[in-house]
């Protein structure tokens, strides 16, 4: 197999009670995590106190150099 630079994305493991800051996109800003399921995360704005349940959308990104790609499962 050839070696390539690969970017890895992993769903972020939200925890109820976390204070988070999203740096970009339409949901940017400060939020409190108030609910988490396998498919949804519920966030509350600390200013308006409005709550929103969204499909999980945040991912942790990591870049690795010279890894096998594609990987066999």
Protein backbone atom coordinates (compact mmCIF):
# COMPACT_ATOMS: atom_id res chain seq x y z
CA UNK A 1 0.00 0.00 0.00
CA UNK A 2 1.05 3.57 -0.61
CA UNK A 3 1.61 6.10 2.18
CA UNK A 4 -0.44 9.34 2.22
CA UNK A 5 -1.10 12.30 4.52
CA UNK A 6 -4.58 11.74 5.99
CA UNK A 7 -6.89 13.97 8.02
CA UNK A 8 -8.91 12.09 10.67
CA UNK A 9 -12.29 13.24 12.04
CA UNK A 10 -13.75 11.82 15.25
CA UNK A 11 -17.15 12.77 16.73
CA UNK A 12 -16.56 15.00 19.73
CA UNK A 13 -17.55 13.31 23.05
CA UNK A 14 -19.83 16.01 24.49
CA UNK A 15 -20.65 15.87 28.21
CA UNK A 16 -23.64 17.49 29.92
CA UNK A 17 -22.53 20.60 31.79
CA UNK A 18 -19.68 21.48 29.43
CA UNK A 19 -19.16 25.12 28.56
CA UNK A 20 -18.06 25.27 24.92
CA UNK A 21 -17.15 27.87 22.32
CA UNK A 22 -17.73 27.16 18.62
CA UNK A 23 -15.30 29.25 16.58
CA UNK A 24 -16.99 29.31 13.20
CA UNK A 25 -20.12 28.69 11.20
CA UNK A 26 -23.74 29.60 11.90
CA UNK A 27 -23.59 28.17 15.45
CA UNK A 28 -20.50 30.11 16.48
CA UNK A 29 -20.33 31.45 19.99
CA UNK A 30 -20.67 30.24 23.57
CA UNK A 31 -22.95 27.38 24.56
CA UNK A 32 -23.68 25.08 27.48
CA UNK A 33 -24.22 21.40 26.76
CA UNK A 34 -27.50 20.39 28.41
CA UNK A 35 -28.28 17.09 26.68
CA UNK A 36 -26.46 14.40 24.71
CA UNK A 37 -27.70 11.31 22.88
CA UNK A 38 -26.05 9.10 20.26
CA UNK A 39 -27.49 11.31 17.52
CA UNK A 40 -28.27 14.73 19.04
CA UNK A 41 -26.66 17.35 21.23
CA UNK A 42 -28.77 19.97 23.00
CA UNK A 43 -27.13 23.34 23.60
CA UNK A 44 -28.31 26.39 25.54
CA UNK A 45 -27.24 29.95 24.79
CA UNK A 46 -25.98 31.55 28.03
CA UNK A 47 -27.40 34.94 26.98
CA UNK A 48 -30.87 34.27 25.57
CA UNK A 49 -31.27 30.90 27.37
CA UNK A 50 -32.73 29.50 24.13
CA UNK A 51 -32.17 25.78 23.66
CA UNK A 52 -31.45 23.96 20.43
CA UNK A 53 -31.21 20.22 19.74
CA UNK A 54 -29.02 19.55 16.71
CA UNK A 55 -27.65 16.47 15.06
CA UNK A 56 -24.14 16.00 16.37
CA UNK A 57 -21.97 18.26 14.26
CA UNK A 58 -18.66 18.92 16.05
CA UNK A 59 -15.67 16.79 15.27
CA UNK A 60 -12.15 16.66 16.59
CA UNK A 61 -9.67 16.84 13.76
CA UNK A 62 -6.20 15.38 13.67
CA UNK A 63 -3.70 15.24 10.85
CA UNK A 64 -1.28 12.39 10.50
CA UNK A 65 1.62 12.06 8.12
CA UNK A 66 2.44 9.00 6.06
CA UNK A 67 -0.34 6.57 6.99
CA UNK A 68 -1.83 3.73 5.01
CA UNK A 69 -4.85 4.82 2.97
CA UNK A 70 -7.40 3.55 2.36
CA UNK A 71 -7.41 1.46 5.50
CA UNK A 72 -8.91 -1.99 5.52
CA UNK A 73 -11.65 -2.35 8.15
